[in-house]
ModelCIF file with pLDDT and N, C-alpha, C, O atoms, coordinates in Angstrom:
data_MODEL
#
_entry.id   MODEL 
#
_entity.id                         1 
_entity.type                       polymer 
_entity.pdbx_number_of_molecules   1 
#
_entity_poly.entity_id                      1 
_entity_poly.type                           'polypeptide(L)' 
_entity_poly.nstd_linkage                   no 
_entity_poly.nstd_monomer                   no 
_entity_poly.pdbx_seq_one_letter_code       LEVRNDPTIQVGKREPLNIPVIEVDYWPESFSTRREDLYGDDG 
_entity_poly.pdbx_seq_one_letter_code_can   LEVRNDPTIQVGKREPLNIPVIEVDYWPESFSTRREDLYGDDG 
_entity_poly.pdbx_strand_id                 A 
#
loop_
_entity_poly_seq.entity_id 
_entity_poly_seq.num 
_entity_poly_seq.mon_id 
_entity_poly_seq.hetero 
1 1  LEU n 
1 2  GLU n 
1 3  VAL n 
1 4  ARG n 
1 5  ASN n 
1 6  ASP n 
1 7  PRO n 
1 8  THR n 
1 9  ILE n 
1 10 GLN n 
1 11 VAL n 
1 12 GLY n 
1 13 LYS n 
1 14 ARG n 
1 15 GLU n 
1 16 PRO n 
1 17 LEU n 
1 18 ASN n 
1 19 ILE n 
1 20 PRO n 
1 21 VAL n 
1 22 ILE n 
1 23 GLU n 
1 24 VAL n 
1 25 ASP n 
1 26 TYR n 
1 27 TRP n 
1 28 PRO n 
1 29 GLU n 
1 30 SER n 
1 31 PHE n 
1 32 SER n 
1 33 THR n 
1 34 ARG n 
1 35 ARG n 
1 36 GLU n 
1 37 ASP n 
1 38 LEU n 
1 39 TYR n 
1 40 GLY n 
1 41 ASP n 
1 42 ASP n 
1 43 GLY n 
#
_struct_asym.id          A 
_struct_asym.entity_id   1 
#
loop_
_ma_qa_metric.id 
_ma_qa_metric.mode 
_ma_qa_metric.name 
_ma_qa_metric.software_group_id 
_ma_qa_metric.type 
1 global pLDDT . pLDDT 
2 local  pLDDT . pLDDT 
#
_ma_qa_metric_global.metric_id      1 
_ma_qa_metric_global.metric_value   78.63 
_ma_qa_metric_global.model_id       1 
_ma_qa_metric_global.ordinal_id     1 
#
loop_
_ma_qa_metric_local.label_asym_id 
_ma_qa_metric_local.label_comp_id 
_ma_qa_metric_local.label_seq_id 
_ma_qa_metric_local.metric_id 
_ma_qa_metric_local.metric_value 
_ma_qa_metric_local.model_id 
_ma_qa_metric_local.ordinal_id 
A LEU 1  2 74.00 1 1  
A GLU 2  2 75.00 1 2  
A VAL 3  2 73.00 1 3  
A ARG 4  2 74.00 1 4  
A ASN 5  2 74.00 1 5  
A ASP 6  2 72.00 1 6  
A PRO 7  2 72.00 1 7  
A THR 8  2 73.00 1 8  
A ILE 9  2 69.00 1 9  
A GLN 10 2 67.00 1 10 
A VAL 11 2 63.00 1 11 
A GLY 12 2 65.00 1 12 
A LYS 13 2 70.00 1 13 
A ARG 14 2 72.00 1 14 
A GLU 15 2 79.00 1 15 
A PRO 16 2 82.00 1 16 
A LEU 17 2 84.00 1 17 
A ASN 18 2 89.00 1 18 
A ILE 19 2 90.00 1 19 
A PRO 20 2 89.00 1 20 
A VAL 21 2 86.00 1 21 
A ILE 22 2 86.00 1 22 
A GLU 23 2 85.00 1 23 
A VAL 24 2 81.00 1 24 
A ASP 25 2 83.00 1 25 
A TYR 26 2 83.00 1 26 
A TRP 27 2 81.00 1 27 
A PRO 28 2 84.00 1 28 
A GLU 29 2 85.00 1 29 
A SER 30 2 86.00 1 30 
A PHE 31 2 85.00 1 31 
A SER 32 2 85.00 1 32 
A THR 33 2 85.00 1 33 
A ARG 34 2 85.00 1 34 
A ARG 35 2 83.00 1 35 
A GLU 36 2 81.00 1 36 
A ASP 37 2 81.00 1 37 
A LEU 38 2 83.00 1 38 
A TYR 39 2 84.00 1 39 
A GLY 40 2 74.00 1 40 
A ASP 41 2 74.00 1 41 
A ASP 42 2 71.00 1 42 
A GLY 43 2 64.00 1 43 
#
loop_
_atom_site.group_PDB 
_atom_site.id 
_atom_site.type_symbol 
_atom_site.label_atom_id 
_atom_site.label_alt_id 
_atom_site.label_comp_id 
_atom_site.label_asym_id 
_atom_site.label_entity_id 
_atom_site.label_seq_id 
_atom_site.pdbx_PDB_ins_code 
_atom_site.Cartn_x 
_atom_site.Cartn_y 
_atom_site.Cartn_z 
_atom_site.occupancy 
_atom_site.B_iso_or_equiv 
_atom_site.pdbx_formal_charge 
_atom_site.auth_seq_id 
_atom_site.auth_comp_id 
_atom_site.auth_asym_id 
_atom_site.auth_atom_id 
_atom_site.pdbx_PDB_model_num 
ATOM 1   N N  . LEU A 1 1  ? 0.813   -1.181  -0.006  1.00 74.00 ? 1  LEU A N  1 
ATOM 2   C CA . LEU A 1 1  ? -0.005  0.002   -0.020  1.00 74.00 ? 1  LEU A CA 1 
ATOM 3   C C  . LEU A 1 1  ? 0.838   1.243   -0.007  1.00 74.00 ? 1  LEU A C  1 
ATOM 4   O O  . LEU A 1 1  ? 1.802   1.340   0.753   1.00 74.00 ? 1  LEU A O  1 
ATOM 5   N N  . GLU A 1 2  ? 0.492   2.178   -0.826  1.00 75.00 ? 2  GLU A N  1 
ATOM 6   C CA . GLU A 1 2  ? 1.062   3.514   -0.815  1.00 75.00 ? 2  GLU A CA 1 
ATOM 7   C C  . GLU A 1 2  ? 0.019   4.341   -0.100  1.00 75.00 ? 2  GLU A C  1 
ATOM 8   O O  . GLU A 1 2  ? -1.090  4.466   -0.618  1.00 75.00 ? 2  GLU A O  1 
ATOM 9   N N  . VAL A 1 3  ? 0.298   4.906   1.043   1.00 73.00 ? 3  VAL A N  1 
ATOM 10  C CA . VAL A 1 3  ? -0.715  5.579   1.841   1.00 73.00 ? 3  VAL A CA 1 
ATOM 11  C C  . VAL A 1 3  ? -0.551  7.106   1.660   1.00 73.00 ? 3  VAL A C  1 
ATOM 12  O O  . VAL A 1 3  ? 0.486   7.706   1.945   1.00 73.00 ? 3  VAL A O  1 
ATOM 13  N N  . ARG A 1 4  ? -1.624  7.657   1.179   1.00 74.00 ? 4  ARG A N  1 
ATOM 14  C CA . ARG A 1 4  ? -1.675  9.174   1.070   1.00 74.00 ? 4  ARG A CA 1 
ATOM 15  C C  . ARG A 1 4  ? -3.109  9.589   1.415   1.00 74.00 ? 4  ARG A C  1 
ATOM 16  O O  . ARG A 1 4  ? -4.078  8.976   0.967   1.00 74.00 ? 4  ARG A O  1 
ATOM 17  N N  . ASN A 1 5  ? -3.212  10.635  2.216   1.00 74.00 ? 5  ASN A N  1 
ATOM 18  C CA . ASN A 1 5  ? -4.467  11.112  2.645   1.00 74.00 ? 5  ASN A CA 1 
ATOM 19  C C  . ASN A 1 5  ? -5.067  11.897  1.505   1.00 74.00 ? 5  ASN A C  1 
ATOM 20  O O  . ASN A 1 5  ? -4.515  12.911  1.078   1.00 74.00 ? 5  ASN A O  1 
ATOM 21  N N  . ASP A 1 6  ? -6.218  11.422  1.003   1.00 72.00 ? 6  ASP A N  1 
ATOM 22  C CA . ASP A 1 6  ? -6.899  12.089  -0.138  1.00 72.00 ? 6  ASP A CA 1 
ATOM 23  C C  . ASP A 1 6  ? -8.289  12.526  0.331   1.00 72.00 ? 6  ASP A C  1 
ATOM 24  O O  . ASP A 1 6  ? -9.188  11.693  0.445   1.00 72.00 ? 6  ASP A O  1 
ATOM 25  N N  . PRO A 1 7  ? -8.472  13.808  0.600   1.00 72.00 ? 7  PRO A N  1 
ATOM 26  C CA . PRO A 1 7  ? -9.785  14.279  1.062   1.00 72.00 ? 7  PRO A CA 1 
ATOM 27  C C  . PRO A 1 7  ? -10.890 14.194  0.051   1.00 72.00 ? 7  PRO A C  1 
ATOM 28  O O  . PRO A 1 7  ? -12.054 14.408  0.391   1.00 72.00 ? 7  PRO A O  1 
ATOM 29  N N  . THR A 1 8  ? -10.548 13.873  -1.236  1.00 73.00 ? 8  THR A N  1 
ATOM 30  C CA . THR A 1 8  ? -11.635 13.810  -2.238  1.00 73.00 ? 8  THR A CA 1 
ATOM 31  C C  . THR A 1 8  ? -12.277 12.460  -2.258  1.00 73.00 ? 8  THR A C  1 
ATOM 32  O O  . THR A 1 8  ? -13.323 12.289  -2.886  1.00 73.00 ? 8  THR A O  1 
ATOM 33  N N  . ILE A 1 9  ? -11.675 11.459  -1.574  1.00 69.00 ? 9  ILE A N  1 
ATOM 34  C CA . ILE A 1 9  ? -12.222 10.058  -1.522  1.00 69.00 ? 9  ILE A CA 1 
ATOM 35  C C  . ILE A 1 9  ? -13.405 10.092  -0.597  1.00 69.00 ? 9  ILE A C  1 
ATOM 36  O O  . ILE A 1 9  ? -13.325 10.579  0.531   1.00 69.00 ? 9  ILE A O  1 
ATOM 37  N N  . GLN A 1 10 ? -14.541 9.551   -1.105  1.00 67.00 ? 10 GLN A N  1 
ATOM 38  C CA . GLN A 1 10 ? -15.747 9.449   -0.279  1.00 67.00 ? 10 GLN A CA 1 
ATOM 39  C C  . GLN A 1 10 ? -15.910 8.035   0.185   1.00 67.00 ? 10 GLN A C  1 
ATOM 40  O O  . GLN A 1 10 ? -16.392 7.185   -0.564  1.00 67.00 ? 10 GLN A O  1 
ATOM 41  N N  . VAL A 1 11 ? -15.516 7.761   1.411   1.00 63.00 ? 11 VAL A N  1 
ATOM 42  C CA . VAL A 1 11 ? -15.673 6.383   1.973   1.00 63.00 ? 11 VAL A CA 1 
ATOM 43  C C  . VAL A 1 11 ? -16.390 6.505   3.319   1.00 63.00 ? 11 VAL A C  1 
ATOM 44  O O  . VAL A 1 11 ? -16.416 7.550   3.969   1.00 63.00 ? 11 VAL A O  1 
ATOM 45  N N  . GLY A 1 12 ? -16.975 5.351   3.691   1.00 65.00 ? 12 GLY A N  1 
ATOM 46  C CA . GLY A 1 12 ? -17.653 5.418   4.959   1.00 65.00 ? 12 GLY A CA 1 
ATOM 47  C C  . GLY A 1 12 ? -19.097 5.050   4.813   1.00 65.00 ? 12 GLY A C  1 
ATOM 48  O O  . GLY A 1 12 ? -19.501 4.346   3.888   1.00 65.00 ? 12 GLY A O  1 
ATOM 49  N N  . LYS A 1 13 ? -19.877 5.553   5.767   1.00 70.00 ? 13 LYS A N  1 
ATOM 50  C CA . LYS A 1 13 ? -21.333 5.229   5.795   1.00 70.00 ? 13 LYS A CA 1 
ATOM 51  C C  . LYS A 1 13 ? -22.020 5.862   4.589   1.00 70.00 ? 13 LYS A C  1 
ATOM 52  O O  . LYS A 1 13 ? -21.722 6.995   4.210   1.00 70.00 ? 13 LYS A O  1 
ATOM 53  N N  . ARG A 1 14 ? -22.923 5.129   4.009   1.00 72.00 ? 14 ARG A N  1 
ATOM 54  C CA . ARG A 1 14 ? -23.675 5.686   2.860   1.00 72.00 ? 14 ARG A CA 1 
ATOM 55  C C  . ARG A 1 14 ? -25.061 6.167   3.368   1.00 72.00 ? 14 ARG A C  1 
ATOM 56  O O  . ARG A 1 14 ? -25.542 5.739   4.418   1.00 72.00 ? 14 ARG A O  1 
ATOM 57  N N  . GLU A 1 15 ? -25.640 7.019   2.627   1.00 79.00 ? 15 GLU A N  1 
ATOM 58  C CA . GLU A 1 15 ? -27.002 7.514   2.947   1.00 79.00 ? 15 GLU A CA 1 
ATOM 59  C C  . GLU A 1 15 ? -27.947 6.311   2.786   1.00 79.00 ? 15 GLU A C  1 
ATOM 60  O O  . GLU A 1 15 ? -27.772 5.503   1.874   1.00 79.00 ? 15 GLU A O  1 
ATOM 61  N N  . PRO A 1 16 ? -28.924 6.200   3.653   1.00 82.00 ? 16 PRO A N  1 
ATOM 62  C CA . PRO A 1 16 ? -29.871 5.111   3.513   1.00 82.00 ? 16 PRO A CA 1 
ATOM 63  C C  . PRO A 1 16 ? -30.670 5.265   2.175   1.00 82.00 ? 16 PRO A C  1 
ATOM 64  O O  . PRO A 1 16 ? -30.905 6.370   1.687   1.00 82.00 ? 16 PRO A O  1 
ATOM 65  N N  . LEU A 1 17 ? -31.062 4.112   1.629   1.00 84.00 ? 17 LEU A N  1 
ATOM 66  C CA . LEU A 1 17 ? -31.803 4.152   0.426   1.00 84.00 ? 17 LEU A CA 1 
ATOM 67  C C  . LEU A 1 17 ? -33.232 4.743   0.667   1.00 84.00 ? 17 LEU A C  1 
ATOM 68  O O  . LEU A 1 17 ? -33.855 4.451   1.688   1.00 84.00 ? 17 LEU A O  1 
ATOM 69  N N  . ASN A 1 18 ? -33.702 5.515   -0.214  1.00 89.00 ? 18 ASN A N  1 
ATOM 70  C CA . ASN A 1 18 ? -35.016 6.094   -0.086  1.00 89.00 ? 18 ASN A CA 1 
ATOM 71  C C  . ASN A 1 18 ? -36.026 5.289   -0.914  1.00 89.00 ? 18 ASN A C  1 
ATOM 72  O O  . ASN A 1 18 ? -36.380 5.678   -2.027  1.00 89.00 ? 18 ASN A O  1 
ATOM 73  N N  . ILE A 1 19 ? -36.481 4.168   -0.355  1.00 90.00 ? 19 ILE A N  1 
ATOM 74  C CA . ILE A 1 19 ? -37.372 3.260   -1.067  1.00 90.00 ? 19 ILE A CA 1 
ATOM 75  C C  . ILE A 1 19 ? -38.817 3.589   -0.654  1.00 90.00 ? 19 ILE A C  1 
ATOM 76  O O  . ILE A 1 19 ? -39.138 3.604   0.534   1.00 90.00 ? 19 ILE A O  1 
ATOM 77  N N  . PRO A 1 20 ? -39.686 3.853   -1.649  1.00 89.00 ? 20 PRO A N  1 
ATOM 78  C CA . PRO A 1 20 ? -41.050 4.199   -1.294  1.00 89.00 ? 20 PRO A CA 1 
ATOM 79  C C  . PRO A 1 20 ? -41.760 2.994   -0.687  1.00 89.00 ? 20 PRO A C  1 
ATOM 80  O O  . PRO A 1 20 ? -41.533 1.858   -1.104  1.00 89.00 ? 20 PRO A O  1 
ATOM 81  N N  . VAL A 1 21 ? -42.586 3.235   0.260   1.00 86.00 ? 21 VAL A N  1 
ATOM 82  C CA . VAL A 1 21 ? -43.385 2.186   0.976   1.00 86.00 ? 21 VAL A CA 1 
ATOM 83  C C  . VAL A 1 21 ? -44.832 2.290   0.510   1.00 86.00 ? 21 VAL A C  1 
ATOM 84  O O  . VAL A 1 21 ? -45.407 3.378   0.513   1.00 86.00 ? 21 VAL A O  1 
ATOM 85  N N  . ILE A 1 22 ? -45.400 1.210   0.125   1.00 86.00 ? 22 ILE A N  1 
ATOM 86  C CA . ILE A 1 22 ? -46.773 1.192   -0.327  1.00 86.00 ? 22 ILE A CA 1 
ATOM 87  C C  . ILE A 1 22 ? -47.607 0.543   0.793   1.00 86.00 ? 22 ILE A C  1 
ATOM 88  O O  . ILE A 1 22 ? -47.395 -0.618  1.142   1.00 86.00 ? 22 ILE A O  1 
ATOM 89  N N  . GLU A 1 23 ? -48.508 1.272   1.318   1.00 85.00 ? 23 GLU A N  1 
ATOM 90  C CA . GLU A 1 23 ? -49.360 0.740   2.353   1.00 85.00 ? 23 GLU A CA 1 
ATOM 91  C C  . GLU A 1 23 ? -50.576 0.088   1.722   1.00 85.00 ? 23 GLU A C  1 
ATOM 92  O O  . GLU A 1 23 ? -51.229 0.695   0.873   1.00 85.00 ? 23 GLU A O  1 
ATOM 93  N N  . VAL A 1 24 ? -50.892 -1.139  2.123   1.00 81.00 ? 24 VAL A N  1 
ATOM 94  C CA . VAL A 1 24 ? -51.984 -1.884  1.597   1.00 81.00 ? 24 VAL A CA 1 
ATOM 95  C C  . VAL A 1 24 ? -52.807 -2.453  2.774   1.00 81.00 ? 24 VAL A C  1 
ATOM 96  O O  . VAL A 1 24 ? -52.291 -2.608  3.880   1.00 81.00 ? 24 VAL A O  1 
ATOM 97  N N  . ASP A 1 25 ? -54.054 -2.751  2.526   1.00 83.00 ? 25 ASP A N  1 
ATOM 98  C CA . ASP A 1 25 ? -54.918 -3.362  3.508   1.00 83.00 ? 25 ASP A CA 1 
ATOM 99  C C  . ASP A 1 25 ? -54.661 -4.843  3.455   1.00 83.00 ? 25 ASP A C  1 
ATOM 100 O O  . ASP A 1 25 ? -53.741 -5.287  2.768   1.00 83.00 ? 25 ASP A O  1 
ATOM 101 N N  . TYR A 1 26 ? -55.430 -5.597  4.144   1.00 83.00 ? 26 TYR A N  1 
ATOM 102 C CA . TYR A 1 26 ? -55.335 -7.058  4.156   1.00 83.00 ? 26 TYR A CA 1 
ATOM 103 C C  . TYR A 1 26 ? -55.707 -7.609  2.761   1.00 83.00 ? 26 TYR A C  1 
ATOM 104 O O  . TYR A 1 26 ? -56.507 -7.032  2.025   1.00 83.00 ? 26 TYR A O  1 
ATOM 105 N N  . TRP A 1 27 ? -55.088 -8.743  2.447   1.00 81.00 ? 27 TRP A N  1 
ATOM 106 C CA . TRP A 1 27 ? -55.478 -9.448  1.199   1.00 81.00 ? 27 TRP A CA 1 
ATOM 107 C C  . TRP A 1 27 ? -56.853 -9.953  1.335   1.00 81.00 ? 27 TRP A C  1 
ATOM 108 O O  . TRP A 1 27 ? -57.225 -10.360 2.436   1.00 81.00 ? 27 TRP A O  1 
ATOM 109 N N  . PRO A 1 28 ? -57.680 -9.966  0.272   1.00 84.00 ? 28 PRO A N  1 
ATOM 110 C CA . PRO A 1 28 ? -58.957 -10.573 0.310   1.00 84.00 ? 28 PRO A CA 1 
ATOM 111 C C  . PRO A 1 28 ? -58.780 -12.047 0.665   1.00 84.00 ? 28 PRO A C  1 
ATOM 112 O O  . PRO A 1 28 ? -57.771 -12.659 0.313   1.00 84.00 ? 28 PRO A O  1 
ATOM 113 N N  . GLU A 1 29 ? -59.803 -12.636 1.390   1.00 85.00 ? 29 GLU A N  1 
ATOM 114 C CA . GLU A 1 29 ? -59.728 -14.044 1.713   1.00 85.00 ? 29 GLU A CA 1 
ATOM 115 C C  . GLU A 1 29 ? -59.713 -14.956 0.457   1.00 85.00 ? 29 GLU A C  1 
ATOM 116 O O  . GLU A 1 29 ? -59.175 -16.062 0.489   1.00 85.00 ? 29 GLU A O  1 
ATOM 117 N N  . SER A 1 30 ? -60.298 -14.478 -0.607  1.00 86.00 ? 30 SER A N  1 
ATOM 118 C CA . SER A 1 30 ? -60.318 -15.269 -1.810  1.00 86.00 ? 30 SER A CA 1 
ATOM 119 C C  . SER A 1 30 ? -59.006 -15.209 -2.640  1.00 86.00 ? 30 SER A C  1 
ATOM 120 O O  . SER A 1 30 ? -58.864 -15.918 -3.637  1.00 86.00 ? 30 SER A O  1 
ATOM 121 N N  . PHE A 1 31 ? -58.070 -14.367 -2.217  1.00 85.00 ? 31 PHE A N  1 
ATOM 122 C CA . PHE A 1 31 ? -56.820 -14.196 -2.948  1.00 85.00 ? 31 PHE A CA 1 
ATOM 123 C C  . PHE A 1 31 ? -55.933 -15.421 -2.722  1.00 85.00 ? 31 PHE A C  1 
ATOM 124 O O  . PHE A 1 31 ? -55.727 -15.846 -1.585  1.00 85.00 ? 31 PHE A O  1 
ATOM 125 N N  . SER A 1 32 ? -55.398 -15.996 -3.839  1.00 85.00 ? 32 SER A N  1 
ATOM 126 C CA . SER A 1 32 ? -54.547 -17.143 -3.723  1.00 85.00 ? 32 SER A CA 1 
ATOM 127 C C  . SER A 1 32 ? -53.212 -16.900 -4.405  1.00 85.00 ? 32 SER A C  1 
ATOM 128 O O  . SER A 1 32 ? -53.139 -16.264 -5.457  1.00 85.00 ? 32 SER A O  1 
ATOM 129 N N  . THR A 1 33 ? -52.166 -17.413 -3.792  1.00 85.00 ? 33 THR A N  1 
ATOM 130 C CA . THR A 1 33 ? -50.848 -17.239 -4.354  1.00 85.00 ? 33 THR A CA 1 
ATOM 131 C C  . THR A 1 33 ? -50.297 -18.605 -4.824  1.00 85.00 ? 33 THR A C  1 
ATOM 132 O O  . THR A 1 33 ? -49.092 -18.771 -5.012  1.00 85.00 ? 33 THR A O  1 
ATOM 133 N N  . ARG A 1 34 ? -51.181 -19.539 -5.000  1.00 85.00 ? 34 ARG A N  1 
ATOM 134 C CA . ARG A 1 34 ? -50.793 -20.861 -5.568  1.00 85.00 ? 34 ARG A CA 1 
ATOM 135 C C  . ARG A 1 34 ? -50.286 -20.670 -6.964  1.00 85.00 ? 34 ARG A C  1 
ATOM 136 O O  . ARG A 1 34 ? -50.813 -19.839 -7.703  1.00 85.00 ? 34 ARG A O  1 
ATOM 137 N N  . ARG A 1 35 ? -49.282 -21.410 -7.345  1.00 83.00 ? 35 ARG A N  1 
ATOM 138 C CA . ARG A 1 35 ? -48.657 -21.259 -8.681  1.00 83.00 ? 35 ARG A CA 1 
ATOM 139 C C  . ARG A 1 35 ? -49.755 -21.566 -9.763  1.00 83.00 ? 35 ARG A C  1 
ATOM 140 O O  . ARG A 1 35 ? -49.807 -20.890 -10.790 1.00 83.00 ? 35 ARG A O  1 
ATOM 141 N N  . GLU A 1 36 ? -50.602 -22.561 -9.528  1.00 81.00 ? 36 GLU A N  1 
ATOM 142 C CA . GLU A 1 36 ? -51.651 -22.854 -10.531 1.00 81.00 ? 36 GLU A CA 1 
ATOM 143 C C  . GLU A 1 36 ? -52.605 -21.703 -10.695 1.00 81.00 ? 36 GLU A C  1 
ATOM 144 O O  . GLU A 1 36 ? -53.125 -21.499 -11.792 1.00 81.00 ? 36 GLU A O  1 
ATOM 145 N N  . ASP A 1 37 ? -52.865 -20.928 -9.633  1.00 81.00 ? 37 ASP A N  1 
ATOM 146 C CA . ASP A 1 37 ? -53.780 -19.817 -9.717  1.00 81.00 ? 37 ASP A CA 1 
ATOM 147 C C  . ASP A 1 37 ? -53.109 -18.602 -10.330 1.00 81.00 ? 37 ASP A C  1 
ATOM 148 O O  . ASP A 1 37 ? -53.782 -17.783 -10.955 1.00 81.00 ? 37 ASP A O  1 
ATOM 149 N N  . LEU A 1 38 ? -51.822 -18.467 -10.170 1.00 83.00 ? 38 LEU A N  1 
ATOM 150 C CA . LEU A 1 38 ? -51.117 -17.233 -10.677 1.00 83.00 ? 38 LEU A CA 1 
ATOM 151 C C  . LEU A 1 38 ? -50.832 -17.356 -12.166 1.00 83.00 ? 38 LEU A C  1 
ATOM 152 O O  . LEU A 1 38 ? -50.891 -16.362 -12.889 1.00 83.00 ? 38 LEU A O  1 
ATOM 153 N N  . TYR A 1 39 ? -50.521 -18.578 -12.639 1.00 84.00 ? 39 TYR A N  1 
ATOM 154 C CA . TYR A 1 39 ? -50.060 -18.773 -13.964 1.00 84.00 ? 39 TYR A CA 1 
ATOM 155 C C  . TYR A 1 39 ? -51.122 -19.556 -14.812 1.00 84.00 ? 39 TYR A C  1 
ATOM 156 O O  . TYR A 1 39 ? -51.919 -20.324 -14.273 1.00 84.00 ? 39 TYR A O  1 
ATOM 157 N N  . GLY A 1 40 ? -51.098 -19.339 -16.098 1.00 74.00 ? 40 GLY A N  1 
ATOM 158 C CA . GLY A 1 40 ? -52.016 -20.056 -16.986 1.00 74.00 ? 40 GLY A CA 1 
ATOM 159 C C  . GLY A 1 40 ? -51.575 -21.543 -17.180 1.00 74.00 ? 40 GLY A C  1 
ATOM 160 O O  . GLY A 1 40 ? -50.649 -22.035 -16.535 1.00 74.00 ? 40 GLY A O  1 
ATOM 161 N N  . ASP A 1 41 ? -52.267 -22.189 -18.066 1.00 74.00 ? 41 ASP A N  1 
ATOM 162 C CA . ASP A 1 41 ? -51.958 -23.622 -18.373 1.00 74.00 ? 41 ASP A CA 1 
ATOM 163 C C  . ASP A 1 41 ? -50.586 -23.808 -18.972 1.00 74.00 ? 41 ASP A C  1 
ATOM 164 O O  . ASP A 1 41 ? -50.014 -24.895 -18.885 1.00 74.00 ? 41 ASP A O  1 
ATOM 165 N N  . ASP A 1 42 ? -50.022 -22.716 -19.607 1.00 71.00 ? 42 ASP A N  1 
ATOM 166 C CA . ASP A 1 42 ? -48.720 -22.890 -20.260 1.00 71.00 ? 42 ASP A CA 1 
ATOM 167 C C  . ASP A 1 42 ? -47.585 -22.610 -19.242 1.00 71.00 ? 42 ASP A C  1 
ATOM 168 O O  . ASP A 1 42 ? -46.411 -22.648 -19.610 1.00 71.00 ? 42 ASP A O  1 
ATOM 169 N N  . GLY A 1 43 ? -47.922 -22.336 -17.992 1.00 64.00 ? 43 GLY A N  1 
ATOM 170 C CA . GLY A 1 43 ? -46.875 -22.127 -16.956 1.00 64.00 ? 43 GLY A CA 1 
ATOM 171 C C  . GLY A 1 43 ? -46.408 -20.684 -16.909 1.00 64.00 ? 43 GLY A C  1 
ATOM 172 O O  . GLY A 1 43 ? -45.542 -20.341 -16.104 1.00 64.00 ? 43 GLY A O  1 
#
């Protein structure tokens, strides 16, 4: 290593990601996540 202090280097903690949150109510009781219900006959 050649050590030189470089103030232009940005290292360290990153800003947290700003990911939007979508609020939803409960799933309807008739909602199914079974593969057969999500996809058609061709898969």
